[in-house]
Amino acid sequence: MKRAKSIMIQGTASSVGKSLIVTALCRIFTLDGFRVAPFKSQNMALNSFITIDGKEMGRAQAVQAEACNIEPSVLMNPILLKPSSDIGSQVIIKGKVYKNMTAEEYQRFKPTLREIVKEAYEELANKYDIVVIEGAGSPAEINLKDNDLVNMGMAEIADCPVLLVGDIDKGGVFASIVGTLVLLDQRERKRVKGIIINKFRGDVEILKPGLAMLERIIKRPVLGVIPYLDIHIDEEDSATDYLRVSKNTGDIDIAILYLPHISNFTDFEPFYYIEGVKIRYVYNTDTFGNPDVIIIPGTKNTIGDLLYLKANGLYEKIKEYVKDNGMVIGICGGLQMLGKKVIDPYNIESEIKESEGLGLLDIVTVLEKEKVTTQTLIKLENTPYLLRGYEIHMGRTESIGKNAIPFSRVVKRGEIEYNEIDGYMSLDGRVWGTYLHGIFDNEDFLEGFISSIYKRKGIEKKVKIEPLRDIKATKYDKLAMAVRNALDMDTIYDIMGIG
């Protein structure tokens, strides 16, 4: 069987644009007629994706698979770490929860994972023509080089060439590139076949003397300078600048609560493409403003983030907002926060066993040991709406009073039929929540939701929703064109051994 050619993108630091460049290369190679798959051995992210078979993987690799026009698979991201505290994470292996580990425990466990990573990569390499591999952080983190699985350790497993990416927008790109190469050992340096400068603003002619000097110092070619691109692609974690981006104009003001353990914030991606909708993140009472709707997103630590809201004043601010006729929505962990109480009897998410919720709905959530990960179909109560999305949660939520009527019901998980309450709403309809991630990806529902806010404000306006899949396809093509024009693709193909 013919084995795939591969190329690995590593960076001088986190957030230099590795995910974006891998996505671009995936699209370029696909458009050039190759069968392509992305791969990242270990991902640390709270922004995850659920596959058709109900397994959990990093969102970035799901996006990259989409750019390749293929179905996402956990083979593309065999290890996912979901931080639950400053020193610990939930470890997910090949799409299923293994256990929670501290950073020290995980470092000791990594040698065991090497064979799992190798098997996943080999399976992909035997199915596709090209595998585009993404590194994590920097390969020069000398304290983490032992038993590395995601940078040079992964390049060794795949026996592939490496392209090193530096971010010029933050400054110091030449020093970061040279310094990274100096901290690699000789065998690792040999794998680095070229440099990519990312996020450049201005006239590239002014940069050329510096590029020539850099090439003389490192004895490797600069394969291209990619301009700063205003093309948003779903990011893998909340370290991204995405959570600082606001769309500041519009008749409707949608405010999303920032949470320290925020997860799956891509739920709100569709709002950015609707004319007349303003979207922003709320970090404290000073940035609360006067929104038309507040959305509480998913979280990996519901009780911890409830305590965060109480400490910074947002807890009381939200309750006052609802008393003043405000509208609040909760997604997954956000739904749990809307209730009277959240109970964690097994310390699944934190050391605290119980916390008072916002009390906006008469519901109680108990966190359970078993994690629900599935693609799901729900039906809105007393409506014809059938909505597709996915679930990732470890809680069961039940009504304990009159002010919590069913909002939606699960009718199918995977291929199995259900009749189970998914979400709840208040008697007046101004507060509701659901476990369904991706609910706003359903165009008919989104159009009705935005229209209802206009109606509530007394504004008559026709809402136009463009299908998200069409928007994404256009963005992937635009990204591929921009990166292809910036890079020496002929040399990159030569580096990969493809004529």
Protein backbone atom coordinates (compact mmCIF):
# COMPACT_ATOMS: atom_id res chain seq x y z
CA MET A 1 0.00 0.00 0.00
CA LYS A 2 1.30 3.44 -0.92
CA ARG A 3 2.20 5.54 2.11
CA ALA A 4 1.22 9.23 2.24
CA LYS A 5 3.70 12.04 1.89
CA SER A 6 3.65 14.35 4.89
CA ILE A 7 4.67 17.84 5.93
CA MET A 8 4.69 19.26 9.46
CA ILE A 9 3.99 22.85 10.49
CA GLN A 10 5.66 23.91 13.73
CA GLY A 11 5.78 27.36 15.28
CA THR A 12 8.12 29.52 17.29
CA ALA A 13 5.34 29.96 19.87
CA SER A 14 1.62 29.47 20.45
CA SER A 15 -0.81 31.51 18.34
CA VAL A 16 1.64 32.17 15.50
CA GLY A 17 -0.90 30.81 12.99
CA LYS A 18 -0.06 27.09 12.74
CA SER A 19 -3.72 26.00 12.61
CA LEU A 20 -4.53 28.56 9.93
CA ILE A 21 -1.58 27.56 7.74
CA VAL A 22 -2.35 23.85 8.12
CA THR A 23 -5.95 24.59 7.11
CA ALA A 24 -4.72 26.54 4.09
CA LEU A 25 -2.34 23.78 3.00
CA CYS A 26 -5.07 21.17 3.44
CA ARG A 27 -7.29 23.18 1.09
CA ILE A 28 -4.48 23.86 -1.42
CA PHE A 29 -3.46 20.20 -1.67
CA THR A 30 -7.12 19.16 -1.94
CA LEU A 31 -7.75 21.67 -4.74
CA ASP A 32 -4.62 20.31 -6.45
CA GLY A 33 -6.28 16.90 -6.63
CA PHE A 34 -4.73 15.03 -3.70
CA ARG A 35 -6.53 13.04 -1.01
CA VAL A 36 -5.52 14.97 2.12
CA ALA A 37 -5.96 14.57 5.88
CA PRO A 38 -4.87 16.77 8.83
CA PHE A 39 -3.18 15.38 11.94
CA LYS A 40 -2.31 16.70 15.38
CA SER A 41 -1.18 14.07 17.84
CA GLN A 42 -2.03 16.01 20.99
CA ASN A 43 -4.34 18.97 21.26
CA MET A 44 -5.05 21.06 24.35
CA ALA A 45 -8.39 22.74 23.79
CA LEU A 46 -11.79 23.35 25.32
CA ASN A 47 -13.26 23.93 21.87
CA SER A 48 -13.97 20.38 20.75
CA PHE A 49 -15.98 18.56 18.09
CA ILE A 50 -18.11 15.41 18.17
CA THR A 51 -17.72 12.97 15.27
CA ILE A 52 -20.51 10.99 13.62
CA ASP A 53 -19.67 7.99 15.83
CA GLY A 54 -19.93 10.08 19.01
CA LYS A 55 -16.23 10.60 19.72
CA GLU A 56 -14.57 13.83 20.84
CA MET A 57 -11.67 15.55 19.09
CA GLY A 58 -10.10 19.00 18.75
CA ARG A 59 -12.13 21.52 16.80
CA ALA A 60 -9.14 22.69 14.74
CA GLN A 61 -8.64 19.26 13.17
CA ALA A 62 -12.38 19.01 12.43
CA VAL A 63 -12.13 22.34 10.60
CA GLN A 64 -9.05 21.17 8.72
CA ALA A 65 -10.88 17.98 7.72
CA GLU A 66 -13.71 20.16 6.45
CA ALA A 67 -11.19 22.06 4.33
CA CYS A 68 -10.12 18.68 2.91
CA ASN A 69 -13.75 17.82 2.10
CA ILE A 70 -13.60 14.74 4.35
CA GLU A 71 -15.40 13.59 7.49
CA PRO A 72 -13.54 14.38 10.77
CA SER A 73 -12.11 11.35 12.59
CA VAL A 74 -10.40 10.95 15.97
CA LEU A 75 -7.47 9.46 14.05
CA MET A 76 -6.69 13.08 13.15
CA ASN A 77 -6.39 14.00 16.85
CA PRO A 78 -5.86 10.87 18.96
CA ILE A 79 -5.13 12.76 22.20
CA LEU A 80 -7.20 15.69 23.44
CA LEU A 81 -6.52 17.48 26.73
CA LYS A 82 -9.35 19.59 28.16
CA PRO A 83 -8.03 21.81 30.98
CA SER A 84 -10.22 21.73 34.07
CA SER A 85 -7.88 23.66 36.40
CA ASP A 86 -4.54 25.47 36.32
CA ILE A 87 -2.64 22.20 36.82
CA GLY A 88 -4.97 19.48 35.55
CA SER A 89 -6.85 18.30 32.47
CA GLN A 90 -9.34 15.70 31.36
CA VAL A 91 -7.42 13.30 29.11
CA ILE A 92 -9.34 12.01 26.08
CA ILE A 93 -7.77 9.16 24.09
CA LYS A 94 -9.12 8.32 20.62
CA GLY A 95 -12.32 10.20 21.37
CA LYS A 96 -13.17 8.75 24.79
CA VAL A 97 -12.50 10.06 28.30
CA TYR A 98 -9.59 8.23 29.94
CA LYS A 99 -9.28 10.10 33.25
CA ASN A 100 -8.34 13.45 34.82
CA MET A 101 -4.63 14.01 35.31
CA THR A 102 -2.35 16.66 36.72
CA ALA A 103 0.36 17.99 34.41
CA GLU A 104 2.97 15.96 36.30
CA GLU A 105 0.95 12.75 36.01
CA TYR A 106 0.46 13.33 32.30
CA GLN A 107 4.18 13.83 31.68
CA ARG A 108 4.83 10.43 33.27
CA PHE A 109 2.06 8.90 31.17
CA LYS A 110 3.26 10.21 27.78
CA PRO A 111 5.55 7.28 26.88
CA THR A 112 2.48 5.02 27.00
CA LEU A 113 0.77 7.24 24.43
CA ARG A 114 3.53 7.08 21.82
CA GLU A 115 2.27 3.83 20.29
CA ILE A 116 -1.32 5.16 20.19
CA VAL A 117 -0.15 8.25 18.32
CA LYS A 118 1.94 6.17 15.93
CA GLU A 119 -0.94 3.79 15.14
CA ALA A 120 -3.35 6.66 14.46
CA TYR A 121 -0.88 8.39 12.16
CA GLU A 122 -0.03 5.18 10.28
CA GLU A 123 -3.71 4.46 9.69
CA LEU A 124 -4.18 7.90 8.14
CA ALA A 125 -0.97 7.64 6.14
CA ASN A 126 -2.24 4.42 4.56
CA LYS A 127 -5.53 6.03 3.50
CA TYR A 128 -4.45 9.38 2.06
CA ASP A 129 -1.95 10.87 -0.39
CA ILE A 130 -0.84 13.71 1.92
CA VAL A 131 -1.01 14.18 5.69
CA VAL A 132 -0.51 17.75 6.97
CA ILE A 133 0.70 17.62 10.57
CA GLU A 134 0.35 20.44 13.09
CA GLY A 135 2.66 20.95 16.04
CA ALA A 136 1.78 22.64 19.33
CA GLY A 137 3.33 25.64 21.05
CA SER A 138 7.05 25.59 20.24
CA PRO A 139 9.47 22.70 19.62
CA ALA A 140 12.04 24.61 21.70
CA GLU A 141 10.27 24.16 25.04
CA ILE A 142 13.33 22.43 26.46
CA ASN A 143 11.56 21.42 29.69
CA LEU A 144 9.02 19.39 27.66
CA LYS A 145 11.31 17.79 25.06
CA ASP A 146 11.61 14.47 26.89
CA ASN A 147 8.97 12.09 25.55
CA ASP A 148 7.65 14.77 23.17
CA LEU A 149 4.71 13.56 21.09
CA VAL A 150 3.55 16.70 19.33
CA ASN A 151 6.53 18.55 17.86
CA MET A 152 9.89 17.01 16.93
CA GLY A 153 8.88 13.75 18.57
CA MET A 154 5.95 13.56 16.17
CA ALA A 155 8.15 14.56 13.21
CA GLU A 156 10.35 11.60 14.11
CA ILE A 157 7.36 9.23 14.27
CA ALA A 158 6.20 10.38 10.84
CA ASP A 159 9.77 10.82 9.52
CA CYS A 160 8.65 14.05 7.87
CA PRO A 161 10.12 17.45 6.97
CA VAL A 162 9.21 20.49 9.08
CA LEU A 163 8.36 24.07 8.14
CA LEU A 164 8.83 26.58 10.97
CA VAL A 165 6.35 29.48 11.29
CA GLY A 166 7.10 32.80 12.99
CA ASP A 167 4.62 35.60 13.79
CA ILE A 168 6.01 38.98 12.71
CA ASP A 169 3.00 40.94 13.97
CA LYS A 170 4.09 40.62 17.61
CA GLY A 171 7.66 41.68 16.84
CA GLY A 172 10.93 39.80 17.34
CA VAL A 173 10.29 37.27 14.59
CA PHE A 174 13.94 36.98 13.48
CA ALA A 175 15.18 36.37 17.02
CA SER A 176 12.41 33.84 17.69
CA ILE A 177 13.26 31.86 14.54
CA VAL A 178 17.01 31.85 15.19
CA GLY A 179 16.50 31.11 18.89
CA THR A 180 14.18 28.20 18.16
CA LEU A 181 16.70 26.60 15.80
CA VAL A 182 19.55 27.10 18.28
CA LEU A 183 17.60 25.25 21.00
CA LEU A 184 16.97 22.24 18.76
CA ASP A 185 19.55 19.48 18.64
CA GLN A 186 21.38 18.75 15.40
CA ARG A 187 19.07 15.91 14.32
CA GLU A 188 15.99 18.06 14.93
CA ARG A 189 17.45 21.04 13.05
CA LYS A 190 18.00 18.85 10.00
CA ARG A 191 14.25 18.28 9.76
CA VAL A 192 13.55 22.02 9.42
CA LYS A 193 13.56 22.61 5.67
CA GLY A 194 12.16 26.12 5.46
CA ILE A 195 10.70 29.16 7.22
CA ILE A 196 7.32 30.87 6.87
CA ILE A 197 6.81 34.44 8.12
CA ASN A 198 3.18 34.99 9.10
CA LYS A 199 0.92 38.01 9.80
CA PHE A 200 2.95 40.64 7.93
CA ARG A 201 1.53 44.15 7.52
CA GLY A 202 3.08 46.59 5.08
CA ASP A 203 5.41 46.54 2.07
CA VAL A 204 7.27 43.24 1.79
CA GLU A 205 10.11 44.98 -0.12
CA ILE A 206 11.15 46.66 3.13
CA LEU A 207 11.40 43.22 4.74
CA LYS A 208 13.58 41.60 2.09
CA PRO A 209 17.03 42.69 3.46
CA GLY A 210 16.12 41.11 6.80
CA LEU A 211 14.96 37.93 5.08
CA ALA A 212 18.23 37.67 3.16
CA MET A 213 20.25 38.08 6.37
CA LEU A 214 18.07 35.51 8.15
CA GLU A 215 18.65 32.96 5.36
CA ARG A 216 22.44 33.48 5.62
CA ILE A 217 22.34 32.93 9.39
CA ILE A 218 20.10 29.86 9.50
CA LYS A 219 21.06 28.42 6.07
CA ARG A 220 17.46 27.67 5.21
CA PRO A 221 15.10 29.37 2.76
CA VAL A 222 12.23 31.65 3.70
CA LEU A 223 9.43 30.04 1.71
CA GLY A 224 7.10 32.98 1.91
CA VAL A 225 5.68 35.93 3.81
CA ILE A 226 1.96 35.59 4.49
CA PRO A 227 0.11 38.89 4.93
CA TYR A 228 -2.07 39.56 7.93
CA LEU A 229 -5.29 37.89 6.81
CA ASP A 230 -8.73 39.02 7.91
CA ILE A 231 -10.10 35.51 7.41
CA HIS A 232 -11.53 33.99 10.54
CA ILE A 233 -11.32 30.20 10.86
CA ASP A 234 -12.60 28.31 13.92
CA GLU A 235 -9.83 28.27 16.52
CA GLU A 236 -8.91 25.45 18.86
CA ASP A 237 -8.87 27.13 22.25
CA SER A 238 -9.68 30.27 24.20
CA ALA A 239 -6.07 31.54 24.02
CA THR A 240 -7.04 32.86 20.62
CA ASP A 241 -7.71 36.51 19.89
CA TYR A 242 -11.20 35.38 18.86
CA LEU A 243 -12.52 36.15 22.35
CA ARG A 244 -11.34 39.74 22.03
CA VAL A 245 -13.07 40.31 18.69
CA SER A 246 -16.30 42.29 18.65
CA LYS A 247 -18.64 43.21 15.85
CA ASN A 248 -19.50 46.68 17.00
CA THR A 249 -22.35 47.76 14.75
CA GLY A 250 -25.91 46.55 14.59
CA ASP A 251 -29.48 47.08 15.78
CA ILE A 252 -29.27 43.97 17.98
CA ASP A 253 -26.70 43.70 20.79
CA ILE A 254 -25.80 40.09 21.68
CA ALA A 255 -23.45 39.78 24.65
CA ILE A 256 -21.65 36.53 25.52
CA LEU A 257 -20.26 36.01 29.00
CA TYR A 258 -16.54 35.34 29.10
CA LEU A 259 -15.82 32.39 31.40
CA PRO A 260 -12.34 31.25 32.48
CA HIS A 261 -13.16 27.69 31.37
CA ILE A 262 -15.26 28.66 28.34
CA SER A 263 -15.73 25.84 25.85
CA ASN A 264 -17.17 25.51 22.35
CA PHE A 265 -17.43 29.25 21.80
CA THR A 266 -17.75 28.47 18.08
CA ASP A 267 -21.46 28.05 18.91
CA PHE A 268 -21.71 31.80 18.28
CA GLU A 269 -19.87 31.92 14.96
CA PRO A 270 -23.10 32.34 12.90
CA PHE A 271 -23.87 35.69 14.58
CA TYR A 272 -20.81 37.29 12.97
CA TYR A 273 -22.29 36.87 9.49
CA ILE A 274 -25.71 38.40 10.10
CA GLU A 275 -26.18 41.98 9.00
CA GLY A 276 -27.52 44.17 11.80
CA VAL A 277 -26.25 42.00 14.66
CA LYS A 278 -23.66 43.33 17.10
CA ILE A 279 -21.74 40.65 19.04
CA ARG A 280 -19.31 41.09 21.90
CA TYR A 281 -17.86 39.37 24.99
CA VAL A 282 -18.59 40.55 28.53
CA TYR A 283 -15.68 40.27 30.98
CA ASN A 284 -16.98 42.24 33.98
CA THR A 285 -19.74 44.60 35.09
CA ASP A 286 -18.02 47.54 33.35
CA THR A 287 -18.39 45.83 29.96
CA PHE A 288 -21.94 44.54 30.59
CA GLY A 289 -23.72 47.43 28.87
CA ASN A 290 -27.38 47.12 27.89
CA PRO A 291 -27.61 44.02 25.67
CA ASP A 292 -30.72 42.64 24.01
CA VAL A 293 -29.71 39.15 25.06
CA ILE A 294 -27.03 37.63 27.28
CA ILE A 295 -25.69 34.18 26.38
CA ILE A 296 -23.90 32.02 28.95
CA PRO A 297 -21.69 29.59 26.99
CA GLY A 298 -20.43 26.11 27.73
CA THR A 299 -17.74 25.56 30.34
CA LYS A 300 -15.42 22.76 31.47
CA ASN A 301 -15.88 23.78 35.10
CA THR A 302 -19.44 24.91 35.85
CA ILE A 303 -19.02 25.43 39.59
CA GLY A 304 -15.64 27.14 39.21
CA ASP A 305 -17.06 29.56 36.65
CA LEU A 306 -20.13 30.23 38.80
CA LEU A 307 -17.77 31.26 41.60
CA TYR A 308 -15.95 33.49 39.09
CA LEU A 309 -19.23 35.25 38.22
CA LYS A 310 -19.99 35.76 41.91
CA ALA A 311 -16.52 37.17 42.60
CA ASN A 312 -16.55 39.76 39.80
CA GLY A 313 -20.12 40.97 40.29
CA LEU A 314 -21.62 39.49 37.12
CA TYR A 315 -23.70 37.01 39.11
CA GLU A 316 -25.83 39.75 40.68
CA LYS A 317 -25.72 41.86 37.51
CA ILE A 318 -27.33 39.07 35.48
CA LYS A 319 -30.07 38.60 38.05
CA GLU A 320 -30.81 42.33 38.04
CA TYR A 321 -30.83 42.29 34.23
CA VAL A 322 -33.50 39.57 34.18
CA LYS A 323 -35.63 41.49 36.70
CA ASP A 324 -35.45 44.45 34.30
CA ASN A 325 -36.99 42.34 31.50
CA GLY A 326 -33.69 41.04 30.12
CA MET A 327 -33.31 37.85 28.08
CA VAL A 328 -30.75 35.16 29.05
CA ILE A 329 -29.78 31.97 27.23
CA GLY A 330 -27.59 29.16 28.51
CA ILE A 331 -25.80 26.58 26.37
CA CYS A 332 -24.71 23.34 28.06
CA GLY A 333 -22.78 24.52 31.17
CA GLY A 334 -24.63 27.82 30.73
CA LEU A 335 -27.93 25.92 31.08
CA GLN A 336 -26.64 24.37 34.29
CA MET A 337 -25.75 27.81 35.68
CA LEU A 338 -29.29 29.08 35.09
CA GLY A 339 -30.68 26.72 37.73
CA LYS A 340 -31.04 26.72 41.48
CA LYS A 341 -28.11 24.46 42.19
CA VAL A 342 -25.20 22.55 40.59
CA ILE A 343 -24.04 19.44 42.46
CA ASP A 344 -20.74 17.64 41.80
CA PRO A 345 -20.90 14.60 44.13
CA TYR A 346 -17.90 12.83 42.57
CA ASN A 347 -15.74 15.96 42.18
CA ILE A 348 -15.83 15.49 38.40
CA GLU A 349 -14.95 19.11 37.62
CA SER A 350 -13.66 20.60 40.85
CA GLU A 351 -13.06 20.02 44.57
CA ILE A 352 -16.31 21.83 45.41
CA LYS A 353 -19.30 19.51 45.66
CA GLU A 354 -22.12 22.02 45.40
CA SER A 355 -22.85 25.60 44.37
CA GLU A 356 -25.88 27.84 44.21
CA GLY A 357 -26.81 28.71 40.63
CA LEU A 358 -28.29 31.91 39.24
CA GLY A 359 -31.78 30.71 40.19
CA LEU A 360 -33.35 31.93 36.95
CA LEU A 361 -34.90 28.51 36.26
CA ASP A 362 -36.34 25.96 38.69
CA ILE A 363 -33.83 23.27 37.76
CA VAL A 364 -31.03 21.36 39.48
CA THR A 365 -28.03 19.75 37.78
CA VAL A 366 -26.08 16.78 39.10
CA LEU A 367 -22.71 16.08 37.44
CA GLU A 368 -22.29 12.39 36.66
CA LYS A 369 -19.33 10.13 35.91
CA GLU A 370 -20.46 9.18 32.41
CA LYS A 371 -19.85 11.74 29.67
CA VAL A 372 -22.42 12.24 26.90
CA THR A 373 -20.70 12.81 23.53
CA THR A 374 -22.98 12.47 20.54
CA GLN A 375 -24.39 14.14 17.48
CA THR A 376 -27.99 14.91 18.40
CA LEU A 377 -31.36 15.83 16.91
CA ILE A 378 -33.76 17.80 19.11
CA LYS A 379 -37.30 19.06 18.67
CA LEU A 380 -38.39 22.38 20.13
CA GLU A 381 -41.39 21.87 22.38
CA ASN A 382 -44.74 22.69 20.73
CA THR A 383 -43.09 23.67 17.43
CA PRO A 384 -42.19 21.86 14.18
CA TYR A 385 -38.49 22.79 14.56
CA LEU A 386 -36.04 19.85 14.36
CA LEU A 387 -32.52 21.03 15.12
CA ARG A 388 -29.18 19.27 14.64
CA GLY A 389 -26.11 19.73 16.80
CA TYR A 390 -24.03 17.82 19.31
CA GLU A 391 -23.79 17.20 23.05
CA ILE A 392 -20.70 17.20 25.30
CA HIS A 393 -21.63 17.12 28.98
CA MET A 394 -21.40 15.16 32.21
CA GLY A 395 -24.52 16.54 33.87
CA ARG A 396 -28.18 15.58 34.19
CA THR A 397 -30.60 18.46 34.65
CA GLU A 398 -34.15 18.13 36.02
CA SER A 399 -37.03 20.46 36.82
CA ILE A 400 -37.90 21.04 40.49
CA GLY A 401 -40.57 23.74 40.17
CA LYS A 402 -43.08 25.59 38.02
CA ASN A 403 -40.62 28.06 36.48
CA ALA A 404 -38.95 25.43 34.30
CA ILE A 405 -41.02 24.11 31.44
CA PRO A 406 -39.53 21.94 28.67
CA PHE A 407 -37.82 23.96 25.93
CA SER A 408 -36.74 21.04 23.74
CA ARG A 409 -36.56 17.26 23.62
CA VAL A 410 -33.92 14.87 22.29
CA VAL A 411 -35.48 12.76 19.54
CA LYS A 412 -32.29 11.08 18.31
CA ARG A 413 -28.71 10.54 19.48
CA GLY A 414 -26.66 9.11 16.66
CA GLU A 415 -29.06 6.58 15.16
CA ILE A 416 -30.91 5.81 18.42
CA GLU A 417 -34.33 7.38 18.99
CA TYR A 418 -35.11 9.13 22.29
CA ASN A 419 -37.84 11.13 23.98
CA GLU A 420 -35.92 13.02 26.65
CA ILE A 421 -36.01 16.63 27.79
CA ASP A 422 -32.95 18.48 26.51
CA GLY A 423 -33.55 22.02 27.78
CA TYR A 424 -35.83 24.22 29.88
CA MET A 425 -37.32 27.69 29.71
CA SER A 426 -38.99 30.10 32.11
CA LEU A 427 -42.75 30.59 32.13
CA ASP A 428 -42.39 33.99 30.43
CA GLY A 429 -39.95 32.63 27.81
CA ARG A 430 -37.21 35.18 28.54
CA VAL A 431 -34.81 32.61 30.01
CA TRP A 432 -34.02 29.33 28.29
CA GLY A 433 -31.22 26.85 27.94
CA THR A 434 -30.24 23.74 26.05
CA TYR A 435 -27.52 21.10 26.04
CA LEU A 436 -27.33 21.31 22.24
CA HIS A 437 -24.10 22.83 20.94
CA GLY A 438 -24.42 24.17 17.40
CA ILE A 439 -28.05 25.17 17.84
CA PHE A 440 -27.46 28.46 16.00
CA ASP A 441 -26.00 26.59 13.00
CA ASN A 442 -29.61 25.70 12.09
CA GLU A 443 -30.52 28.50 9.67
CA ASP A 444 -34.33 28.40 10.13
CA PHE A 445 -34.03 28.50 13.90
CA LEU A 446 -31.43 31.28 13.77
CA GLU A 447 -33.62 33.38 11.48
CA GLY A 448 -36.58 32.94 13.84
CA PHE A 449 -34.42 33.76 16.88
CA ILE A 450 -33.04 36.99 15.41
CA SER A 451 -36.47 37.98 14.09
CA SER A 452 -37.96 37.51 17.57
CA ILE A 453 -35.39 39.92 19.05
CA TYR A 454 -36.23 42.53 16.40
CA LYS A 455 -39.92 42.07 17.19
CA ARG A 456 -39.21 42.43 20.91
CA LYS A 457 -37.47 45.76 20.16
CA GLY A 458 -40.35 46.92 17.98
CA ILE A 459 -38.27 46.89 14.80
CA GLU A 460 -39.60 45.50 11.53
CA LYS A 461 -36.76 44.00 9.51
CA LYS A 462 -36.37 40.99 7.23
CA VAL A 463 -33.56 38.75 8.44
CA LYS A 464 -31.37 37.03 5.85
CA ILE A 465 -29.31 34.02 6.92
CA GLU A 466 -26.66 32.61 4.59
CA PRO A 467 -25.93 28.88 5.15
CA LEU A 468 -22.84 28.51 7.32
CA ARG A 469 -21.47 25.71 5.14
CA ASP A 470 -21.42 28.06 2.13
CA ILE A 471 -19.70 30.79 4.17
CA LYS A 472 -17.04 28.33 5.33
CA ALA A 473 -16.38 26.95 1.85
CA THR A 474 -15.84 30.48 0.55
CA LYS A 475 -13.46 31.25 3.43
CA TYR A 476 -11.40 28.09 2.84
CA ASP A 477 -11.00 28.97 -0.84
CA LYS A 478 -10.10 32.58 -0.03
CA LEU A 479 -7.56 31.41 2.57
CA ALA A 480 -6.04 28.89 0.16
CA MET A 481 -5.65 31.50 -2.56
CA ALA A 482 -3.98 34.02 -0.23
CA VAL A 483 -1.54 31.48 1.21
CA ARG A 484 -0.77 29.91 -2.19
CA ASN A 485 0.09 33.36 -3.56
CA ALA A 486 2.39 34.05 -0.60
CA LEU A 487 4.27 30.73 -0.47
CA ASP A 488 6.73 29.01 -2.79
CA MET A 489 4.48 25.99 -3.30
CA ASP A 490 6.79 24.38 -5.88
CA THR A 491 9.56 24.19 -3.29
CA ILE A 492 7.16 22.90 -0.64
CA TYR A 493 6.09 20.10 -3.00
CA ASP A 494 9.80 19.34 -3.64
CA ILE A 495 10.47 19.22 0.11
CA MET A 496 7.65 16.67 0.44
CA GLY A 497 9.07 14.59 -2.41
CA ILE A 498 6.18 15.29 -4.76
CA GLY A 499 7.19 16.33 -8.24
